[in-house]
């Protein structure tokens, strides 16, 4: 299964052309010709004997040459589950991800195919969070887990939103055809912003109006950030998303201002080109160390020693400052979420064992999905990975068991019973790390499934 799209005029093109500097214009021209046109473009997936149509969305973006129209494809309303598991428009069953941990209505699909989310913190500056602080929330979760409770989240946090953006943009999916495209930040930026166009927040505004992507080597990024800051002004918060380069506690003292004050300083990769400074209360560093210990430990290593990269999503109030003829952007963080990813693929990983499996799957040229936890507690059962290139058209679940303490073994037994009942005894894969720390079982064999009508490659 590839990523071929058939257009109303009969022409075929690949969705990956959007991130190909040589073919992006051709791809955009095809999308423009299919905007608000019936019949619609469709992929190779079929349901009830018919190809699944796609909708073309239009947005505005800024490039060095000025403001231009941009188009992207999206799935039709309520059809994500009908797309084949290896299709870019497949929507992971919420029961296989942390979305099952949300209360009804937190994530809601609209009739036009867009989704509306209820955020824990509103984006208007006067809005406050609808839940306790990060540390307090973690304590409540742990207490609920020990007492056997399973509280369903009534709001989505910044971490949940980060996972939603990764999932909706397909950045939690990998197949050999992606190659080195994830290393090109402008392509990642556009995919995530396209996804944000279809996510509605607050009283109906697209998330893309509040989201700024910060990345190294992105020629258009600094201008896009300045435009976003000016558009949001002092009334709206901005969401800053990018790779985190450093996270430190700093001491600041202005001449004649009295006692020195400590801050948490967060720096994005490439932030120098954006003239961006991100600060937070001094308590944020211990908070983040408690909430995301692996991510903070990685950031505090020397760059050459880091095995993972860390993606950060920061909700911040921002101001433009002009000092000594220089313009800079100062951001004060109201909330911060961190997500560990494999550096080359940007696939999220939750342990060193998952990192090893991610790299092994990529080296073996396999195709897979990384289901994401969102805000769910450990009570939610979902696979660590789903292979999408096996005989099973629904995908083959993969589990990595990394511990052997009594409570974990009880949890392991629950997971095994679930997978056996849901997929069958031989239809899922697992690696028990304590019993075989250096070797994992062979991966289920891959197969080549040709789309209806043959392979267009």
Protein backbone atom coordinates (compact mmCIF):
# COMPACT_ATOMS: atom_id res chain seq x y z
CA UNK A 1 0.00 0.00 0.00
CA UNK A 2 1.48 3.34 -1.02
CA UNK A 3 0.34 6.91 -0.57
CA UNK A 4 -1.03 7.39 -4.06
CA UNK A 5 -3.97 9.76 -4.55
CA UNK A 6 -6.27 9.74 -7.57
CA UNK A 7 -7.67 13.15 -8.58
CA UNK A 8 -10.97 13.95 -10.33
CA UNK A 9 -9.12 14.65 -13.58
CA UNK A 10 -7.71 11.11 -13.52
CA UNK A 11 -4.17 12.11 -12.59
CA UNK A 12 -2.33 10.29 -9.81
CA UNK A 13 0.20 11.71 -7.37
CA UNK A 14 1.82 10.79 -4.08
CA UNK A 15 1.01 12.54 -0.83
CA UNK A 16 4.74 12.54 -0.04
CA UNK A 17 5.27 14.98 -2.91
CA UNK A 18 4.17 17.73 -0.54
CA UNK A 19 7.54 17.49 1.24
CA UNK A 20 9.55 17.04 -1.98
CA UNK A 21 11.07 20.37 -3.03
CA UNK A 22 10.98 19.28 -6.68
CA UNK A 23 7.37 18.11 -6.73
CA UNK A 24 5.62 20.28 -4.13
CA UNK A 25 4.35 22.76 -6.73
CA UNK A 26 2.82 20.01 -8.85
CA UNK A 27 1.16 18.56 -5.75
CA UNK A 28 -0.26 21.93 -4.70
CA UNK A 29 -1.57 22.56 -8.22
CA UNK A 30 -3.42 19.25 -8.19
CA UNK A 31 -4.95 20.02 -4.80
CA UNK A 32 -5.97 23.49 -5.95
CA UNK A 33 -7.76 22.01 -8.97
CA UNK A 34 -9.66 19.61 -6.68
CA UNK A 35 -10.73 22.13 -4.03
CA UNK A 36 -14.54 22.32 -3.75
CA UNK A 37 -14.87 19.97 -6.71
CA UNK A 38 -17.01 16.84 -6.98
CA UNK A 39 -16.21 14.02 -7.28
CA UNK A 40 -13.42 14.34 -4.74
CA UNK A 41 -9.88 12.87 -4.77
CA UNK A 42 -9.56 9.40 -3.26
CA UNK A 43 -6.88 7.06 -1.99
CA UNK A 44 -6.57 3.34 -2.73
CA UNK A 45 -8.59 2.27 0.33
CA UNK A 46 -11.99 0.75 -0.33
CA UNK A 47 -15.00 0.31 1.93
CA UNK A 48 -18.17 -1.50 0.92
CA UNK A 49 -16.91 -1.71 -2.65
CA UNK A 50 -16.15 2.01 -3.05
CA UNK A 51 -12.98 4.10 -2.85
CA UNK A 52 -12.80 6.35 0.19
CA UNK A 53 -12.96 10.01 -0.84
CA UNK A 54 -10.86 12.76 0.74
CA UNK A 55 -11.54 16.44 1.30
CA UNK A 56 -9.19 19.23 0.18
CA UNK A 57 -8.65 21.96 2.79
CA UNK A 58 -7.41 25.47 1.97
CA UNK A 59 -5.30 27.66 4.24
CA UNK A 60 -2.94 30.63 4.00
CA UNK A 61 0.77 30.40 4.75
CA UNK A 62 3.70 32.76 4.50
CA UNK A 63 6.86 32.02 2.57
CA UNK A 64 9.83 34.17 1.64
CA UNK A 65 8.04 35.24 -1.53
CA UNK A 66 5.04 36.45 0.46
CA UNK A 67 1.62 35.14 1.44
CA UNK A 68 0.45 32.12 -0.55
CA UNK A 69 -2.45 29.71 -0.56
CA UNK A 70 -1.74 26.20 0.71
CA UNK A 71 -3.85 23.08 0.33
CA UNK A 72 -3.83 19.76 2.12
CA UNK A 73 -5.86 16.58 2.18
CA UNK A 74 -7.96 15.36 5.10
CA UNK A 75 -10.12 12.33 5.70
CA UNK A 76 -13.87 12.58 5.38
CA UNK A 77 -15.90 12.75 8.62
CA UNK A 78 -16.09 9.50 10.60
CA UNK A 79 -14.22 7.49 7.95
CA UNK A 80 -10.77 7.25 9.55
CA UNK A 81 -11.35 3.74 10.86
CA UNK A 82 -12.29 2.49 7.36
CA UNK A 83 -8.92 3.39 5.83
CA UNK A 84 -6.39 0.56 5.69
CA UNK A 85 -4.00 0.47 8.61
CA UNK A 86 -1.04 1.39 6.37
CA UNK A 87 -2.86 4.35 4.79
CA UNK A 88 -1.82 7.87 5.91
CA UNK A 89 -5.50 8.66 6.49
CA UNK A 90 -6.12 5.71 8.78
CA UNK A 91 -7.28 6.82 12.21
CA UNK A 92 -6.09 4.73 15.12
CA UNK A 93 -8.96 3.19 17.04
CA UNK A 94 -9.21 5.33 20.21
CA UNK A 95 -9.39 2.06 22.17
CA UNK A 96 -5.80 1.38 21.06
CA UNK A 97 -4.48 4.73 22.30
CA UNK A 98 -4.75 6.98 25.31
CA UNK A 99 -7.78 8.75 23.80
CA UNK A 100 -9.88 6.11 25.54
CA UNK A 101 -8.93 7.80 28.81
CA UNK A 102 -10.91 10.95 28.01
CA UNK A 103 -14.48 11.60 29.04
CA UNK A 104 -17.09 11.84 26.30
CA UNK A 105 -16.87 15.14 24.42
CA UNK A 106 -13.23 16.01 25.17
CA UNK A 107 -12.37 15.02 21.58
CA UNK A 108 -15.36 15.38 19.27
CA UNK A 109 -15.49 15.08 15.49
CA UNK A 110 -17.64 17.67 13.71
CA UNK A 111 -19.82 17.11 10.67
CA UNK A 112 -17.20 18.75 8.42
CA UNK A 113 -14.47 16.34 9.53
CA UNK A 114 -12.69 18.74 11.84
CA UNK A 115 -12.33 17.85 15.51
CA UNK A 116 -13.02 19.98 18.55
CA UNK A 117 -11.01 19.53 21.74
CA UNK A 118 -11.62 20.79 25.27
CA UNK A 119 -8.29 22.09 26.54
CA UNK A 120 -7.25 22.13 30.19
CA UNK A 121 -6.15 25.73 29.80
CA UNK A 122 -7.90 28.19 27.51
CA UNK A 123 -5.79 30.16 25.05
CA UNK A 124 -7.25 33.54 26.02
CA UNK A 125 -4.83 35.24 28.41
CA UNK A 126 -7.54 35.67 31.05
CA UNK A 127 -8.30 31.91 31.03
CA UNK A 128 -6.85 29.71 33.76
CA UNK A 129 -6.32 25.96 33.87
CA UNK A 130 -9.32 23.73 34.63
CA UNK A 131 -7.24 21.20 36.57
CA UNK A 132 -4.64 21.09 39.37
CA UNK A 133 -0.98 21.75 38.72
CA UNK A 134 1.17 19.14 37.01
CA UNK A 135 2.59 17.66 40.21
CA UNK A 136 -0.75 17.65 42.03
CA UNK A 137 -2.43 15.96 39.07
CA UNK A 138 0.22 13.24 39.03
CA UNK A 139 -0.33 12.55 42.72
CA UNK A 140 -4.08 12.27 42.19
CA UNK A 141 -3.53 9.84 39.33
CA UNK A 142 -1.21 7.67 41.42
CA UNK A 143 -3.71 7.63 44.28
CA UNK A 144 -6.52 6.69 41.90
CA UNK A 145 -4.40 3.87 40.48
CA UNK A 146 -3.62 2.46 43.92
CA UNK A 147 -7.26 2.54 44.92
CA UNK A 148 -8.36 0.77 41.76
CA UNK A 149 -10.06 3.82 40.30
CA UNK A 150 -9.92 4.88 36.67
CA UNK A 151 -10.66 8.56 36.41
CA UNK A 152 -11.49 9.73 32.91
CA UNK A 153 -9.89 13.02 31.94
CA UNK A 154 -12.39 15.85 31.49
CA UNK A 155 -9.91 18.17 29.75
CA UNK A 156 -6.89 17.74 27.47
CA UNK A 157 -3.50 18.88 28.75
CA UNK A 158 -0.58 20.20 26.70
CA UNK A 159 0.87 16.68 26.56
CA UNK A 160 -2.41 15.33 25.21
CA UNK A 161 -2.50 18.11 22.62
CA UNK A 162 1.08 17.37 21.59
CA UNK A 163 0.16 13.70 21.11
CA UNK A 164 -2.94 14.71 19.15
CA UNK A 165 -0.87 16.88 16.79
CA UNK A 166 1.64 14.07 16.28
CA UNK A 167 -1.13 11.58 15.56
CA UNK A 168 -3.24 13.81 13.30
CA UNK A 169 -0.16 14.83 11.29
CA UNK A 170 0.97 11.21 10.91
CA UNK A 171 4.27 11.88 12.69
CA UNK A 172 3.70 8.78 14.84
CA UNK A 173 3.76 6.65 11.67
CA UNK A 174 6.82 5.24 9.95
CA UNK A 175 7.47 3.40 6.72
CA UNK A 176 10.65 3.07 4.61
CA UNK A 177 9.40 5.57 2.01
CA UNK A 178 9.68 8.44 4.50
CA UNK A 179 13.47 8.23 4.38
CA UNK A 180 15.17 11.36 5.68
CA UNK A 181 12.13 13.63 5.25
CA UNK A 182 11.69 13.93 9.03
CA UNK A 183 15.11 15.59 9.21
CA UNK A 184 13.77 18.53 7.16
CA UNK A 185 12.03 20.75 9.71
CA UNK A 186 10.03 22.90 7.23
CA UNK A 187 8.30 19.72 6.03
CA UNK A 188 7.52 18.63 9.59
CA UNK A 189 6.30 22.13 10.37
CA UNK A 190 3.86 22.18 7.47
CA UNK A 191 2.47 18.72 8.24
CA UNK A 192 1.79 19.65 11.86
CA UNK A 193 0.29 23.03 10.95
CA UNK A 194 -1.95 21.34 8.38
CA UNK A 195 -3.19 19.05 11.15
CA UNK A 196 -3.72 22.06 13.43
CA UNK A 197 -5.99 23.68 10.83
CA UNK A 198 -8.49 20.87 11.43
CA UNK A 199 -8.34 21.03 15.26
CA UNK A 200 -10.80 23.53 16.72
CA UNK A 201 -10.28 25.00 20.18
CA UNK A 202 -12.02 27.56 22.37
CA UNK A 203 -15.13 29.00 20.74
CA UNK A 204 -14.33 27.67 17.31
CA UNK A 205 -10.92 28.97 16.20
CA UNK A 206 -8.43 26.64 14.46
CA UNK A 207 -5.49 25.65 16.62
CA UNK A 208 -3.21 26.70 13.74
CA UNK A 209 -3.98 30.35 14.55
CA UNK A 210 -2.19 29.94 17.89
CA UNK A 211 0.58 27.46 16.98
CA UNK A 212 4.15 28.44 16.06
CA UNK A 213 6.77 25.85 15.11
CA UNK A 214 10.39 26.52 16.10
CA UNK A 215 13.09 24.59 14.27
CA UNK A 216 16.66 24.70 13.02
CA UNK A 217 17.22 25.56 9.38
CA UNK A 218 13.70 26.84 8.70
CA UNK A 219 14.08 29.98 6.57
CA UNK A 220 10.40 30.93 6.87
CA UNK A 221 10.04 30.07 10.55
CA UNK A 222 11.18 33.36 12.16
CA UNK A 223 8.79 35.48 10.03
CA UNK A 224 5.94 33.07 10.76
CA UNK A 225 6.60 33.39 14.50
CA UNK A 226 6.62 37.19 14.37
CA UNK A 227 3.34 37.18 12.42
CA UNK A 228 1.80 34.84 14.98
CA UNK A 229 2.90 37.03 17.89
CA UNK A 230 1.50 40.14 16.25
CA UNK A 231 -1.78 38.43 15.36
CA UNK A 232 -2.33 37.07 18.87
CA UNK A 233 -1.26 40.31 20.53
CA UNK A 234 -1.67 40.58 24.28
CA UNK A 235 -5.06 38.85 24.36
CA UNK A 236 -4.09 35.34 23.31
CA UNK A 237 -1.52 32.79 24.35
CA UNK A 238 0.70 31.12 21.78
CA UNK A 239 1.69 27.47 21.58
CA UNK A 240 5.40 27.04 20.78
CA UNK A 241 6.44 23.63 19.45
CA UNK A 242 9.91 22.36 18.60
CA UNK A 243 12.93 20.34 19.67
CA UNK A 244 14.28 21.36 23.07
CA UNK A 245 17.98 22.20 23.09
CA UNK A 246 18.43 23.19 26.75
CA UNK A 247 16.51 23.47 30.01
CA UNK A 248 18.20 25.24 32.90
CA UNK A 249 17.65 27.32 36.01
CA UNK A 250 19.16 30.78 35.60
CA UNK A 251 19.66 33.77 37.85
CA UNK A 252 18.76 37.19 36.54
CA UNK A 253 19.44 40.55 38.13
CA UNK A 254 18.95 43.94 36.56
CA UNK A 255 21.15 46.81 37.74
CA UNK A 256 19.46 48.59 40.65
CA UNK A 257 16.57 46.12 40.75
CA UNK A 258 17.37 44.63 44.15
CA UNK A 259 17.68 40.93 44.86
CA UNK A 260 18.40 38.50 42.04
CA UNK A 261 15.58 36.28 40.79
CA UNK A 262 15.75 32.73 39.53
CA UNK A 263 13.95 31.47 36.45
CA UNK A 264 13.62 28.29 34.43
CA UNK A 265 15.02 28.91 30.95
CA UNK A 266 13.92 26.74 28.02
CA UNK A 267 15.67 26.98 24.66
CA UNK A 268 14.43 25.50 21.40
CA UNK A 269 16.79 24.13 18.77
CA UNK A 270 17.32 26.96 16.28
CA UNK A 271 15.87 29.62 18.61
CA UNK A 272 18.80 31.98 17.91
CA UNK A 273 17.44 32.65 14.40
CA UNK A 274 14.03 33.45 15.90
CA UNK A 275 15.43 35.84 18.55
CA UNK A 276 13.22 33.93 20.98
CA UNK A 277 13.61 33.64 24.74
CA UNK A 278 11.36 31.32 26.74
CA UNK A 279 11.27 31.60 30.54
CA UNK A 280 9.12 30.13 33.30
CA UNK A 281 8.82 30.16 37.06
CA UNK A 282 11.81 28.60 38.86
CA UNK A 283 9.58 25.75 40.09
CA UNK A 284 9.09 24.46 36.57
CA UNK A 285 12.43 22.67 36.37
CA UNK A 286 11.73 20.35 39.36
CA UNK A 287 8.15 19.91 38.11
CA UNK A 288 9.37 18.79 34.71
CA UNK A 289 12.04 16.56 36.27
CA UNK A 290 9.27 14.81 38.21
CA UNK A 291 6.83 14.57 35.32
CA UNK A 292 9.28 13.80 32.47
CA UNK A 293 12.44 12.40 34.11
CA UNK A 294 13.88 10.72 31.00
CA UNK A 295 13.31 13.78 28.84
CA UNK A 296 14.93 16.19 31.30
CA UNK A 297 17.86 13.84 31.86
CA UNK A 298 18.45 13.66 28.09
CA UNK A 299 18.29 17.43 27.64
CA UNK A 300 20.86 17.95 30.39
CA UNK A 301 23.37 15.65 28.68
CA UNK A 302 25.93 16.91 26.20
CA UNK A 303 24.41 17.04 22.72
CA UNK A 304 26.80 14.37 21.42
CA UNK A 305 25.71 12.00 24.21
CA UNK A 306 21.95 12.27 23.73
CA UNK A 307 20.29 9.07 22.54
CA UNK A 308 16.89 10.72 22.15
CA UNK A 309 15.55 14.11 21.14
CA UNK A 310 12.87 15.90 23.12
CA UNK A 311 9.92 17.70 21.57
CA UNK A 312 8.40 20.44 23.70
CA UNK A 313 5.01 22.15 23.56
CA UNK A 314 4.90 25.39 25.53
CA UNK A 315 1.77 27.44 26.22
CA UNK A 316 3.04 30.99 26.66
CA UNK A 317 2.17 34.65 26.78
CA UNK A 318 4.50 36.56 24.47
CA UNK A 319 5.74 40.09 23.90
CA UNK A 320 7.91 41.75 21.29
CA UNK A 321 10.76 43.78 22.78
CA UNK A 322 12.94 46.33 21.04
CA UNK A 323 16.22 47.07 22.78
CA UNK A 324 19.27 48.79 21.31
CA UNK A 325 17.84 48.47 17.81
CA UNK A 326 17.23 44.73 18.12
CA UNK A 327 13.84 43.04 18.06
CA UNK A 328 13.34 39.94 20.19
CA UNK A 329 10.41 37.84 21.34
CA UNK A 330 10.04 37.10 25.04
CA UNK A 331 7.77 34.24 26.07
CA UNK A 332 6.59 33.44 29.59
CA UNK A 333 5.55 29.79 29.88
CA UNK A 334 2.24 29.00 31.55
CA UNK A 335 2.59 25.26 30.90
CA UNK A 336 5.14 22.90 29.37
CA UNK A 337 4.90 19.34 28.01
CA UNK A 338 7.83 17.19 26.90
CA UNK A 339 7.87 14.15 24.61
CA UNK A 340 10.86 11.88 23.96
CA UNK A 341 11.39 10.90 20.31
CA UNK A 342 13.87 8.91 18.26
CA UNK A 343 16.01 11.68 16.67
CA UNK A 344 15.93 10.64 13.00
CA UNK A 345 12.30 9.54 12.72
CA UNK A 346 10.65 11.69 15.43
CA UNK A 347 8.76 8.56 16.53
CA UNK A 348 7.82 8.93 20.23
CA UNK A 349 9.41 6.45 22.64
CA UNK A 350 8.67 5.88 26.32
CA UNK A 351 11.74 3.85 27.32
CA UNK A 352 15.21 2.84 26.20
CA UNK A 353 13.72 -0.52 25.17
CA UNK A 354 11.18 1.14 22.90
CA UNK A 355 14.04 3.17 21.43
CA UNK A 356 15.89 -0.04 20.56
CA UNK A 357 12.81 -1.57 18.95
CA UNK A 358 12.10 1.60 16.98
CA UNK A 359 15.59 1.58 15.52
CA UNK A 360 15.48 -2.16 14.85
CA UNK A 361 12.18 -1.80 12.97
CA UNK A 362 13.59 1.07 10.90
CA UNK A 363 16.78 -0.88 10.13
CA UNK A 364 14.62 -3.81 9.03
CA UNK A 365 12.66 -1.44 6.75
CA UNK A 366 9.38 -2.16 8.48
CA UNK A 367 6.22 -0.05 8.60
CA UNK A 368 4.55 0.69 11.91
CA UNK A 369 2.46 3.02 14.06
CA UNK A 370 3.37 4.23 17.53
CA UNK A 371 0.08 4.58 19.48
CA UNK A 372 0.22 7.50 21.89
CA UNK A 373 -0.84 7.68 25.52
CA UNK A 374 -2.26 11.23 25.60
CA UNK A 375 -3.28 11.96 29.22
CA UNK A 376 -4.28 8.40 30.07
CA UNK A 377 -3.04 6.64 33.19
CA UNK A 378 -1.19 3.32 33.11
CA UNK A 379 -4.57 1.56 33.48
CA UNK A 380 -5.26 2.03 29.77
CA UNK A 381 -4.21 -0.97 27.66
CA UNK A 382 -2.82 -0.10 24.26
CA UNK A 383 0.06 -1.56 22.19
CA UNK A 384 3.54 -0.07 22.26
CA UNK A 385 3.66 -0.42 18.44
CA UNK A 386 1.42 -1.70 15.66
CA UNK A 387 3.11 -3.29 12.64
CA UNK A 388 1.26 -2.24 9.50
CA UNK A 389 3.03 -4.41 6.93
CA UNK A 390 1.97 -7.88 8.12
CA UNK A 391 -0.63 -10.31 6.84
CA UNK A 392 -3.25 -8.87 9.19
CA UNK A 393 -4.85 -5.85 7.47
CA UNK A 394 -5.74 -4.48 10.92
CA UNK A 395 -2.10 -4.48 12.00
CA UNK A 396 -0.11 -6.61 14.44
CA UNK A 397 0.24 -5.28 18.02
CA UNK A 398 3.66 -5.23 19.69
CA UNK A 399 4.37 -5.08 23.44
CA UNK A 400 7.64 -4.42 25.28
CA UNK A 401 7.64 -5.65 28.89
CA UNK A 402 10.46 -3.87 30.68
CA UNK A 403 10.01 -4.81 34.36
CA UNK A 404 9.52 -7.82 36.61
CA UNK A 405 8.19 -6.46 39.93
CA UNK A 406 5.00 -7.94 41.33
CA UNK A 407 2.63 -5.11 40.40
CA UNK A 408 4.05 -4.99 36.86
CA UNK A 409 3.64 -8.77 36.45
CA UNK A 410 -0.02 -8.43 37.44
CA UNK A 411 -0.40 -5.74 34.81
CA UNK A 412 1.44 -7.90 32.27
CA UNK A 413 -1.00 -10.76 32.84
CA UNK A 414 -3.92 -8.39 32.22
CA UNK A 415 -2.37 -7.21 28.96
CA UNK A 416 -1.67 -10.74 27.77
CA UNK A 417 -5.26 -11.77 28.45
CA UNK A 418 -6.51 -8.73 26.54
CA UNK A 419 -4.32 -9.36 23.47
CA UNK A 420 -5.12 -13.08 23.39
CA UNK A 421 -8.84 -12.36 23.56
CA UNK A 422 -8.74 -9.49 21.05
CA UNK A 423 -6.20 -10.68 18.47
CA UNK A 424 -5.68 -14.38 19.11
CA UNK A 425 -2.82 -16.26 20.74
CA UNK A 426 -0.38 -16.12 17.81
CA UNK A 427 -1.37 -12.76 16.35
CA UNK A 428 0.65 -10.36 18.46
CA UNK A 429 4.32 -9.90 19.37
CA UNK A 430 6.02 -9.33 22.72
CA UNK A 431 9.51 -8.90 24.11
CA UNK A 432 10.01 -9.79 27.78
CA UNK A 433 13.10 -7.74 28.57
CA UNK A 434 13.94 -9.18 32.05
CA UNK A 435 14.08 -12.75 30.71
CA UNK A 436 15.98 -11.82 27.52
CA UNK A 437 17.56 -8.38 27.87
CA UNK A 438 19.86 -8.63 24.85
CA UNK A 439 17.64 -10.38 22.32
CA UNK A 440 14.03 -10.03 21.27
CA UNK A 441 11.90 -12.50 19.31
CA UNK A 442 11.90 -12.26 15.51
CA UNK A 443 9.48 -9.71 14.19
CA UNK A 444 6.35 -11.04 12.45
CA UNK A 445 7.09 -11.38 8.72
CA UNK A 446 6.17 -8.56 6.38
CA UNK A 447 4.03 -8.94 3.28
CA UNK A 448 3.46 -6.81 0.21
CA UNK A 449 -0.20 -5.88 -0.17
CA UNK A 450 -0.92 -4.35 -3.56
CA UNK A 451 -3.71 -1.78 -3.68
CA UNK A 452 -6.75 -2.46 -5.85
CA UNK A 453 -5.83 -2.04 -9.52
CA UNK A 454 -2.17 -2.91 -9.01
CA UNK A 455 0.91 -1.09 -7.85
CA UNK A 456 1.30 2.40 -9.33
CA UNK A 457 5.01 2.60 -8.50
